[in-house]
N, C-alpha and C. Protein backbone atom coordinates (compact mmCIF):
# COMPACT_ATOMS: atom_id res chain seq x y z
N MET A 1 50.06 83.80 76.88
CA MET A 1 49.46 84.35 78.09
C MET A 1 49.42 85.88 77.96
N ALA A 2 48.28 86.46 78.29
CA ALA A 2 48.13 87.91 78.17
C ALA A 2 48.95 88.62 79.24
N GLU A 3 49.49 89.75 78.86
CA GLU A 3 50.28 90.54 79.80
C GLU A 3 49.35 91.20 80.80
N ASP A 4 49.74 91.21 82.07
CA ASP A 4 48.94 91.82 83.11
C ASP A 4 49.22 93.31 83.12
N ASP A 5 48.24 94.09 82.66
CA ASP A 5 48.43 95.54 82.65
C ASP A 5 47.79 96.21 83.85
N GLY A 6 47.27 95.41 84.77
CA GLY A 6 46.74 95.97 86.00
C GLY A 6 45.30 96.42 85.93
N TRP A 7 44.65 96.28 84.80
CA TRP A 7 43.28 96.78 84.67
C TRP A 7 42.27 95.88 85.36
N ASP A 8 42.66 94.70 85.73
CA ASP A 8 41.72 93.80 86.39
C ASP A 8 41.77 93.91 87.90
N ARG A 9 42.56 94.85 88.39
CA ARG A 9 42.68 95.04 89.83
C ARG A 9 42.24 96.45 90.20
N PRO A 10 41.62 96.58 91.38
CA PRO A 10 41.34 97.95 91.86
C PRO A 10 42.64 98.69 92.11
N VAL A 11 42.55 99.99 92.21
CA VAL A 11 43.72 100.83 92.41
C VAL A 11 44.38 100.50 93.75
N ALA A 12 45.69 100.42 93.73
CA ALA A 12 46.44 100.15 94.95
C ALA A 12 46.15 101.22 95.98
N GLY A 13 45.96 100.79 97.20
CA GLY A 13 45.73 101.74 98.28
C GLY A 13 44.27 102.12 98.46
N VAL A 14 43.39 101.66 97.57
CA VAL A 14 41.97 101.97 97.68
C VAL A 14 41.27 100.69 98.08
N ASP A 15 40.77 100.65 99.30
CA ASP A 15 40.10 99.46 99.78
C ASP A 15 38.70 99.85 100.23
N VAL A 16 37.74 99.59 99.35
CA VAL A 16 36.36 99.91 99.70
C VAL A 16 35.66 98.72 100.34
N SER A 17 36.36 97.60 100.46
CA SER A 17 35.72 96.41 100.99
C SER A 17 36.01 96.19 102.46
N ASP A 18 36.53 97.17 103.15
CA ASP A 18 36.82 97.06 104.57
C ASP A 18 35.50 97.03 105.34
N GLU A 19 35.06 95.83 105.70
CA GLU A 19 33.76 95.67 106.33
C GLU A 19 33.65 96.42 107.65
N GLY A 20 34.77 96.63 108.31
CA GLY A 20 34.71 97.30 109.60
C GLY A 20 34.71 98.81 109.51
N GLY A 21 34.95 99.35 108.32
CA GLY A 21 35.02 100.79 108.16
C GLY A 21 33.68 101.45 108.34
N PRO A 22 33.66 102.67 108.83
CA PRO A 22 32.41 103.37 109.07
C PRO A 22 31.71 103.72 107.76
N GLY A 23 30.45 103.34 107.64
CA GLY A 23 29.63 103.74 106.51
C GLY A 23 29.92 103.03 105.21
N VAL A 24 30.78 102.02 105.20
CA VAL A 24 31.07 101.33 103.96
C VAL A 24 29.98 100.30 103.71
N ASP A 25 29.35 100.41 102.58
CA ASP A 25 28.27 99.53 102.20
C ASP A 25 28.85 98.37 101.39
N GLN A 26 28.61 97.14 101.83
CA GLN A 26 29.17 95.98 101.14
C GLN A 26 28.67 95.88 99.71
N ASP A 27 27.42 96.27 99.45
CA ASP A 27 26.92 96.27 98.07
C ASP A 27 27.74 97.22 97.21
N PHE A 28 28.06 98.38 97.76
CA PHE A 28 28.87 99.33 96.99
C PHE A 28 30.27 98.79 96.78
N ALA A 29 30.83 98.14 97.79
CA ALA A 29 32.18 97.58 97.66
C ALA A 29 32.22 96.55 96.54
N THR A 30 31.22 95.70 96.47
CA THR A 30 31.15 94.71 95.40
C THR A 30 30.99 95.40 94.05
N PHE A 31 30.10 96.38 94.01
CA PHE A 31 29.88 97.16 92.79
C PHE A 31 31.19 97.80 92.31
N TYR A 32 31.91 98.40 93.23
CA TYR A 32 33.18 99.04 92.91
C TYR A 32 34.19 98.03 92.36
N ASP A 33 34.33 96.90 93.04
CA ASP A 33 35.28 95.88 92.62
C ASP A 33 35.01 95.39 91.19
N VAL A 34 33.74 95.29 90.83
CA VAL A 34 33.36 94.80 89.51
C VAL A 34 33.51 95.90 88.45
N GLU A 35 33.04 97.09 88.77
CA GLU A 35 32.94 98.15 87.76
C GLU A 35 34.19 99.01 87.59
N PHE A 36 34.98 99.17 88.64
CA PHE A 36 36.12 100.09 88.54
C PHE A 36 37.07 99.77 87.38
N PRO A 37 37.48 98.52 87.20
CA PRO A 37 38.40 98.24 86.08
C PRO A 37 37.77 98.58 84.71
N LYS A 38 36.49 98.35 84.58
CA LYS A 38 35.81 98.63 83.31
C LYS A 38 35.74 100.14 83.05
N VAL A 39 35.33 100.87 84.07
CA VAL A 39 35.21 102.32 83.93
C VAL A 39 36.60 102.93 83.67
N SER A 40 37.59 102.49 84.41
CA SER A 40 38.95 103.01 84.22
C SER A 40 39.46 102.74 82.81
N ARG A 41 39.17 101.58 82.27
CA ARG A 41 39.64 101.22 80.93
C ARG A 41 39.05 102.18 79.88
N VAL A 42 37.75 102.44 79.97
CA VAL A 42 37.13 103.30 78.98
C VAL A 42 37.60 104.74 79.15
N VAL A 43 37.79 105.19 80.37
CA VAL A 43 38.29 106.55 80.61
C VAL A 43 39.73 106.67 80.12
N ARG A 44 40.52 105.63 80.33
CA ARG A 44 41.92 105.67 79.87
C ARG A 44 41.97 105.81 78.35
N SER A 45 41.05 105.17 77.66
CA SER A 45 41.06 105.30 76.21
C SER A 45 40.76 106.72 75.77
N LEU A 46 40.08 107.47 76.60
CA LEU A 46 39.78 108.87 76.27
C LEU A 46 40.86 109.84 76.71
N VAL A 47 41.48 109.59 77.85
CA VAL A 47 42.46 110.56 78.37
C VAL A 47 43.89 110.16 78.07
N GLY A 48 44.14 108.89 77.79
CA GLY A 48 45.46 108.46 77.37
C GLY A 48 46.46 108.16 78.46
N ARG A 49 46.10 108.38 79.70
CA ARG A 49 47.03 108.13 80.80
C ARG A 49 46.32 107.39 81.91
N ARG A 50 46.98 106.35 82.41
CA ARG A 50 46.38 105.53 83.45
C ARG A 50 46.13 106.32 84.72
N ASP A 51 47.10 107.12 85.16
CA ASP A 51 46.94 107.84 86.42
C ASP A 51 45.75 108.80 86.37
N ILE A 52 45.61 109.49 85.26
CA ILE A 52 44.49 110.43 85.12
C ILE A 52 43.17 109.66 85.03
N ALA A 53 43.18 108.55 84.30
CA ALA A 53 41.97 107.72 84.19
C ALA A 53 41.51 107.21 85.55
N GLU A 54 42.47 106.78 86.35
CA GLU A 54 42.12 106.28 87.68
C GLU A 54 41.56 107.39 88.56
N GLU A 55 42.16 108.57 88.48
CA GLU A 55 41.67 109.70 89.27
C GLU A 55 40.24 110.08 88.87
N ILE A 56 39.99 110.17 87.57
CA ILE A 56 38.66 110.51 87.09
C ILE A 56 37.67 109.43 87.49
N SER A 57 38.06 108.18 87.35
CA SER A 57 37.17 107.07 87.72
C SER A 57 36.86 107.08 89.21
N GLN A 58 37.88 107.34 90.02
CA GLN A 58 37.65 107.42 91.46
C GLN A 58 36.68 108.54 91.80
N ASP A 59 36.86 109.68 91.14
CA ASP A 59 35.93 110.80 91.37
C ASP A 59 34.49 110.40 91.02
N ALA A 60 34.33 109.68 89.92
CA ALA A 60 33.00 109.23 89.51
C ALA A 60 32.40 108.27 90.55
N PHE A 61 33.23 107.41 91.09
CA PHE A 61 32.74 106.48 92.12
C PHE A 61 32.41 107.21 93.42
N ILE A 62 33.10 108.28 93.72
CA ILE A 62 32.76 109.08 94.90
C ILE A 62 31.36 109.67 94.73
N VAL A 63 31.08 110.18 93.55
CA VAL A 63 29.74 110.71 93.27
C VAL A 63 28.71 109.60 93.43
N ALA A 64 29.02 108.41 92.90
CA ALA A 64 28.09 107.28 93.02
C ALA A 64 27.90 106.89 94.48
N TYR A 65 28.97 106.87 95.24
CA TYR A 65 28.87 106.50 96.65
C TYR A 65 27.99 107.49 97.42
N ASP A 66 28.16 108.77 97.12
CA ASP A 66 27.35 109.79 97.79
C ASP A 66 25.87 109.64 97.47
N ARG A 67 25.54 109.04 96.34
CA ARG A 67 24.15 108.87 95.90
C ARG A 67 23.73 107.40 95.88
N TRP A 68 24.51 106.56 96.54
CA TRP A 68 24.32 105.11 96.44
C TRP A 68 22.92 104.67 96.84
N THR A 69 22.31 105.29 97.85
CA THR A 69 20.97 104.86 98.26
C THR A 69 19.96 105.00 97.12
N ARG A 70 20.19 105.93 96.23
CA ARG A 70 19.29 106.12 95.10
C ARG A 70 19.72 105.28 93.90
N ILE A 71 21.01 105.33 93.53
CA ILE A 71 21.41 104.66 92.29
C ILE A 71 21.55 103.16 92.43
N ARG A 72 21.63 102.64 93.65
CA ARG A 72 21.72 101.18 93.81
C ARG A 72 20.49 100.49 93.25
N SER A 73 19.37 101.21 93.16
CA SER A 73 18.14 100.61 92.64
C SER A 73 18.04 100.70 91.11
N TYR A 74 18.96 101.39 90.47
CA TYR A 74 18.94 101.47 89.01
C TYR A 74 19.16 100.09 88.41
N ASP A 75 18.61 99.88 87.23
CA ASP A 75 18.85 98.61 86.53
C ASP A 75 20.33 98.41 86.26
N ARG A 76 21.00 99.49 85.90
CA ARG A 76 22.44 99.44 85.60
C ARG A 76 23.15 100.62 86.27
N PRO A 77 23.46 100.51 87.54
CA PRO A 77 24.13 101.61 88.22
C PRO A 77 25.51 101.92 87.63
N GLY A 78 26.12 100.94 86.96
CA GLY A 78 27.41 101.18 86.31
C GLY A 78 27.30 102.22 85.21
N ASP A 79 26.13 102.29 84.58
CA ASP A 79 25.95 103.30 83.53
C ASP A 79 26.01 104.71 84.11
N PHE A 80 25.48 104.88 85.31
CA PHE A 80 25.55 106.18 85.97
C PHE A 80 27.00 106.58 86.17
N VAL A 81 27.81 105.65 86.69
CA VAL A 81 29.22 105.94 86.93
C VAL A 81 29.94 106.22 85.62
N ARG A 82 29.65 105.45 84.57
CA ARG A 82 30.29 105.68 83.28
C ARG A 82 29.97 107.07 82.74
N ARG A 83 28.71 107.47 82.87
CA ARG A 83 28.32 108.79 82.36
C ARG A 83 29.04 109.90 83.13
N VAL A 84 29.10 109.78 84.45
CA VAL A 84 29.83 110.77 85.26
C VAL A 84 31.30 110.78 84.85
N ALA A 85 31.88 109.60 84.72
CA ALA A 85 33.31 109.52 84.36
C ALA A 85 33.56 110.09 82.97
N LEU A 86 32.70 109.78 82.01
CA LEU A 86 32.88 110.31 80.65
C LEU A 86 32.77 111.83 80.64
N ASN A 87 31.81 112.36 81.36
CA ASN A 87 31.67 113.82 81.42
C ASN A 87 32.89 114.46 82.07
N ARG A 88 33.39 113.84 83.12
CA ARG A 88 34.60 114.37 83.76
C ARG A 88 35.82 114.24 82.86
N ALA A 89 35.88 113.17 82.08
CA ALA A 89 36.99 113.00 81.15
C ALA A 89 36.98 114.10 80.09
N VAL A 90 35.81 114.45 79.61
CA VAL A 90 35.70 115.54 78.63
C VAL A 90 36.15 116.85 79.25
N SER A 91 35.69 117.12 80.47
CA SER A 91 36.10 118.35 81.15
C SER A 91 37.60 118.37 81.37
N ASP A 92 38.16 117.25 81.79
CA ASP A 92 39.59 117.15 82.02
C ASP A 92 40.36 117.36 80.72
N PHE A 93 39.86 116.75 79.64
CA PHE A 93 40.50 116.88 78.33
C PHE A 93 40.54 118.35 77.90
N ARG A 94 39.43 119.06 78.08
CA ARG A 94 39.39 120.47 77.72
C ARG A 94 40.36 121.30 78.55
N ARG A 95 40.39 121.02 79.85
CA ARG A 95 41.29 121.76 80.73
C ARG A 95 42.74 121.49 80.36
N ARG A 96 43.09 120.24 80.16
CA ARG A 96 44.47 119.90 79.80
C ARG A 96 44.84 120.46 78.43
N GLY A 97 43.88 120.51 77.53
CA GLY A 97 44.13 121.11 76.22
C GLY A 97 44.47 122.58 76.34
N ALA A 98 43.74 123.28 77.18
CA ALA A 98 44.02 124.70 77.40
C ALA A 98 45.40 124.87 78.04
N GLU A 99 45.72 124.00 78.99
CA GLU A 99 47.04 124.06 79.62
C GLU A 99 48.14 123.78 78.60
N ARG A 100 47.93 122.77 77.75
CA ARG A 100 48.93 122.41 76.75
C ARG A 100 49.16 123.56 75.76
N ARG A 101 48.08 124.20 75.34
CA ARG A 101 48.23 125.32 74.41
C ARG A 101 48.98 126.47 75.06
N ALA A 102 48.72 126.72 76.34
CA ALA A 102 49.45 127.78 77.05
C ALA A 102 50.93 127.44 77.16
N ILE A 103 51.23 126.19 77.44
CA ILE A 103 52.64 125.77 77.54
C ILE A 103 53.31 125.87 76.18
N GLU A 104 52.61 125.47 75.12
CA GLU A 104 53.18 125.56 73.77
C GLU A 104 53.49 127.01 73.40
N ARG A 105 52.57 127.90 73.74
CA ARG A 105 52.81 129.32 73.45
C ARG A 105 54.03 129.81 74.20
N ALA A 106 54.14 129.41 75.47
CA ALA A 106 55.28 129.84 76.27
C ALA A 106 56.58 129.21 75.78
N SER A 107 56.52 127.97 75.31
CA SER A 107 57.75 127.28 74.89
C SER A 107 58.23 127.73 73.51
N ARG A 108 57.40 128.38 72.74
CA ARG A 108 57.84 128.87 71.42
C ARG A 108 58.96 129.88 71.56
N ARG A 109 59.00 130.52 72.70
CA ARG A 109 60.06 131.52 72.94
C ARG A 109 61.42 130.83 73.07
N GLY A 110 61.44 129.61 73.58
CA GLY A 110 62.69 128.87 73.75
C GLY A 110 62.50 127.45 73.25
N ALA A 111 62.35 127.28 71.94
CA ALA A 111 62.02 125.98 71.34
C ALA A 111 63.09 124.94 71.60
N SER A 112 62.65 123.74 71.87
CA SER A 112 63.54 122.60 72.08
C SER A 112 63.82 121.93 70.74
N HIS A 113 65.01 121.39 70.58
CA HIS A 113 65.36 120.71 69.33
C HIS A 113 65.39 119.21 69.51
N ALA A 114 64.79 118.72 70.59
CA ALA A 114 64.76 117.27 70.83
C ALA A 114 63.86 116.59 69.81
N GLU A 115 64.27 115.43 69.39
CA GLU A 115 63.51 114.64 68.42
C GLU A 115 62.35 113.97 69.15
N PRO A 116 61.11 114.15 68.67
CA PRO A 116 59.98 113.51 69.35
C PRO A 116 60.02 112.00 69.19
N ARG A 117 59.55 111.31 70.22
CA ARG A 117 59.48 109.86 70.20
C ARG A 117 58.34 109.43 69.28
N SER A 118 58.57 108.43 68.48
CA SER A 118 57.55 107.92 67.59
C SER A 118 56.57 107.06 68.38
N PRO A 119 55.29 107.42 68.37
CA PRO A 119 54.32 106.65 69.16
C PRO A 119 54.00 105.32 68.49
N SER A 120 53.59 104.35 69.28
CA SER A 120 53.14 103.08 68.72
C SER A 120 51.82 103.31 68.01
N THR A 121 51.40 102.34 67.23
CA THR A 121 50.14 102.46 66.51
C THR A 121 48.98 102.64 67.47
N ASP A 122 48.96 101.88 68.57
CA ASP A 122 47.87 102.02 69.55
C ASP A 122 47.86 103.42 70.16
N GLU A 123 49.04 103.91 70.56
CA GLU A 123 49.11 105.26 71.13
C GLU A 123 48.63 106.28 70.11
N TRP A 124 49.07 106.11 68.88
CA TRP A 124 48.68 107.03 67.83
C TRP A 124 47.17 107.00 67.63
N LEU A 125 46.60 105.81 67.54
CA LEU A 125 45.16 105.67 67.30
C LEU A 125 44.34 106.32 68.41
N TRP A 126 44.67 106.04 69.66
CA TRP A 126 43.90 106.62 70.77
C TRP A 126 44.11 108.13 70.87
N ARG A 127 45.29 108.60 70.50
CA ARG A 127 45.50 110.05 70.46
C ARG A 127 44.57 110.67 69.42
N GLU A 128 44.43 110.02 68.28
CA GLU A 128 43.53 110.52 67.24
C GLU A 128 42.07 110.44 67.70
N VAL A 129 41.72 109.39 68.43
CA VAL A 129 40.36 109.28 68.96
C VAL A 129 40.08 110.46 69.88
N ARG A 130 41.06 110.81 70.70
CA ARG A 130 40.87 111.94 71.63
C ARG A 130 40.71 113.28 70.90
N ARG A 131 41.10 113.35 69.65
CA ARG A 131 40.93 114.58 68.88
C ARG A 131 39.56 114.68 68.22
N LEU A 132 38.80 113.60 68.26
CA LEU A 132 37.45 113.60 67.69
C LEU A 132 36.53 114.45 68.57
N PRO A 133 35.39 114.86 68.02
CA PRO A 133 34.38 115.51 68.87
C PRO A 133 34.03 114.59 70.05
N ASP A 134 33.65 115.20 71.17
CA ASP A 134 33.46 114.47 72.42
C ASP A 134 32.60 113.22 72.29
N ARG A 135 31.40 113.35 71.75
CA ARG A 135 30.49 112.20 71.68
C ARG A 135 31.03 111.11 70.75
N GLN A 136 31.71 111.49 69.68
CA GLN A 136 32.31 110.49 68.80
C GLN A 136 33.40 109.73 69.55
N ALA A 137 34.24 110.43 70.27
CA ALA A 137 35.31 109.79 71.04
C ALA A 137 34.72 108.87 72.11
N GLN A 138 33.67 109.32 72.78
CA GLN A 138 33.05 108.50 73.81
C GLN A 138 32.43 107.24 73.21
N ALA A 139 31.76 107.38 72.07
CA ALA A 139 31.16 106.21 71.42
C ALA A 139 32.23 105.20 70.99
N ILE A 140 33.33 105.70 70.44
CA ILE A 140 34.43 104.81 70.05
C ILE A 140 35.02 104.11 71.27
N ALA A 141 35.27 104.86 72.33
CA ALA A 141 35.87 104.29 73.53
C ALA A 141 34.97 103.22 74.15
N LEU A 142 33.69 103.51 74.29
CA LEU A 142 32.78 102.53 74.87
C LEU A 142 32.65 101.29 73.98
N THR A 143 32.64 101.50 72.67
CA THR A 143 32.47 100.38 71.74
C THR A 143 33.71 99.49 71.69
N TYR A 144 34.90 100.10 71.64
CA TYR A 144 36.11 99.32 71.43
C TYR A 144 36.91 99.05 72.70
N ALA A 145 36.96 99.98 73.62
CA ALA A 145 37.73 99.74 74.85
C ALA A 145 36.94 98.86 75.81
N GLU A 146 35.62 98.99 75.78
CA GLU A 146 34.81 98.20 76.69
C GLU A 146 33.98 97.14 75.97
N ASP A 147 34.02 97.12 74.65
CA ASP A 147 33.35 96.11 73.84
C ASP A 147 31.85 96.07 74.11
N LEU A 148 31.24 97.27 74.14
CA LEU A 148 29.80 97.36 74.38
C LEU A 148 29.04 97.43 73.07
N SER A 149 27.81 96.98 73.11
CA SER A 149 26.94 97.04 71.93
C SER A 149 26.46 98.48 71.72
N VAL A 150 25.92 98.73 70.55
CA VAL A 150 25.37 100.05 70.24
C VAL A 150 24.24 100.38 71.22
N THR A 151 23.44 99.39 71.55
CA THR A 151 22.34 99.59 72.49
C THR A 151 22.87 100.06 73.84
N ARG A 152 23.89 99.39 74.36
CA ARG A 152 24.46 99.76 75.67
C ARG A 152 25.11 101.14 75.61
N VAL A 153 25.82 101.43 74.51
CA VAL A 153 26.45 102.75 74.38
C VAL A 153 25.37 103.83 74.39
N ALA A 154 24.28 103.59 73.69
CA ALA A 154 23.17 104.55 73.66
C ALA A 154 22.60 104.78 75.05
N GLU A 155 22.44 103.70 75.81
CA GLU A 155 21.93 103.84 77.18
C GLU A 155 22.87 104.67 78.04
N ILE A 156 24.17 104.42 77.93
CA ILE A 156 25.14 105.13 78.75
C ILE A 156 25.22 106.61 78.37
N LEU A 157 25.22 106.88 77.06
CA LEU A 157 25.34 108.26 76.60
C LEU A 157 24.01 109.02 76.64
N GLY A 158 22.92 108.28 76.85
CA GLY A 158 21.61 108.93 76.93
C GLY A 158 21.12 109.45 75.59
N CYS A 159 21.34 108.66 74.54
CA CYS A 159 20.89 109.05 73.21
C CYS A 159 20.34 107.82 72.49
N SER A 160 19.84 108.01 71.28
CA SER A 160 19.27 106.89 70.53
C SER A 160 20.36 106.02 69.91
N GLU A 161 20.00 104.81 69.56
CA GLU A 161 20.95 103.92 68.89
C GLU A 161 21.40 104.51 67.55
N ASN A 162 20.47 105.15 66.85
CA ASN A 162 20.84 105.76 65.56
C ASN A 162 21.86 106.88 65.74
N THR A 163 21.74 107.62 66.83
CA THR A 163 22.72 108.67 67.11
C THR A 163 24.09 108.06 67.37
N VAL A 164 24.12 106.97 68.12
CA VAL A 164 25.39 106.29 68.37
C VAL A 164 25.98 105.79 67.05
N LYS A 165 25.15 105.19 66.22
CA LYS A 165 25.63 104.69 64.92
C LYS A 165 26.19 105.83 64.07
N THR A 166 25.54 106.98 64.12
CA THR A 166 26.03 108.15 63.39
C THR A 166 27.39 108.60 63.93
N HIS A 167 27.50 108.67 65.27
CA HIS A 167 28.79 109.04 65.88
C HIS A 167 29.89 108.07 65.47
N LEU A 168 29.59 106.77 65.52
CA LEU A 168 30.58 105.76 65.17
C LEU A 168 30.98 105.86 63.70
N THR A 169 30.01 106.05 62.83
CA THR A 169 30.30 106.16 61.39
C THR A 169 31.18 107.36 61.11
N ARG A 170 30.83 108.50 61.68
CA ARG A 170 31.63 109.71 61.46
C ARG A 170 33.03 109.57 62.04
N ALA A 171 33.11 108.97 63.21
CA ALA A 171 34.42 108.79 63.84
C ALA A 171 35.28 107.85 63.01
N ARG A 172 34.72 106.74 62.57
CA ARG A 172 35.48 105.80 61.76
C ARG A 172 35.93 106.43 60.45
N ARG A 173 35.05 107.20 59.84
CA ARG A 173 35.39 107.88 58.59
C ARG A 173 36.56 108.84 58.81
N ARG A 174 36.50 109.62 59.88
CA ARG A 174 37.57 110.57 60.18
C ARG A 174 38.88 109.84 60.48
N LEU A 175 38.82 108.79 61.26
CA LEU A 175 40.02 108.03 61.58
C LEU A 175 40.62 107.39 60.33
N ALA A 176 39.76 106.92 59.43
CA ALA A 176 40.25 106.34 58.18
C ALA A 176 40.96 107.40 57.33
N GLN A 177 40.40 108.61 57.29
CA GLN A 177 41.04 109.71 56.54
C GLN A 177 42.41 110.03 57.14
N VAL A 178 42.48 110.12 58.44
CA VAL A 178 43.74 110.45 59.10
C VAL A 178 44.75 109.33 58.88
N LEU A 179 44.30 108.10 58.94
CA LEU A 179 45.17 106.95 58.74
C LEU A 179 45.81 106.98 57.34
N GLN A 180 45.07 107.37 56.35
CA GLN A 180 45.60 107.46 54.98
C GLN A 180 46.68 108.52 54.86
N ASP A 181 46.65 109.52 55.72
CA ASP A 181 47.60 110.63 55.65
C ASP A 181 48.89 110.38 56.44
N VAL A 182 49.03 109.19 57.05
CA VAL A 182 50.21 108.89 57.85
C VAL A 182 51.08 107.90 57.09
N PRO A 183 52.14 108.40 56.43
CA PRO A 183 52.95 107.53 55.58
C PRO A 183 53.58 106.35 56.30
N GLU A 184 54.10 106.56 57.54
CA GLU A 184 54.76 105.47 58.22
C GLU A 184 53.80 104.34 58.58
N LEU A 185 52.49 104.62 58.66
CA LEU A 185 51.54 103.57 58.92
C LEU A 185 51.11 102.88 57.63
N ASN A 186 51.29 103.55 56.51
CA ASN A 186 50.89 102.99 55.22
C ASN A 186 52.01 102.27 54.50
N ASP A 187 53.28 102.50 54.91
CA ASP A 187 54.42 101.90 54.23
C ASP A 187 54.66 100.46 54.66
N GLY A 188 54.19 100.08 55.84
CA GLY A 188 54.46 98.74 56.36
C GLY A 188 53.60 97.70 55.68
N GLU A 189 53.89 96.44 55.98
CA GLU A 189 53.12 95.34 55.43
C GLU A 189 51.74 95.32 56.05
N ARG A 190 50.78 94.89 55.28
CA ARG A 190 49.41 94.79 55.78
C ARG A 190 49.07 93.32 55.93
N GLY A 191 48.35 93.03 57.01
CA GLY A 191 48.04 91.63 57.28
C GLY A 191 46.64 91.26 57.07
């Protein structure tokens, strides 16, 4: 039995299906219930933390809700939300990177001698994905975290299928190079 990691449920405390609430559109509530776990999963693969992924996803759905009268007629309104969420994830990643670098500079003055925790292979892999160029990371996340086809990834990212294939090839090549350079991942048994 698969472990319940909570991705199949909307965020606790967020109830968009309250039929009696002012201005809540039942079509949007259904859309949210279906799409939120998917969008959150792909954003989490890019940002690495569930809380941040949920916040970014919620922000993307707020944008969608504000424009719902227009985007509800799209063939795939979920793609609109994914694009907003991916763009916000990139912005968040850049901001957090700048914050992390500032903290590292400040902490060099009083370095800690604590031993870093060894990340699991999944944590390590997604951390490496987040180090890829933005579009490569987005293509990998949509392809593997959400199991989308190249065609769907191209539609969401607003580029050609060949461009997506190029992003995926370059990302896989880079990840393979990095994987070869990690001795603890190469010393274990291969299955």
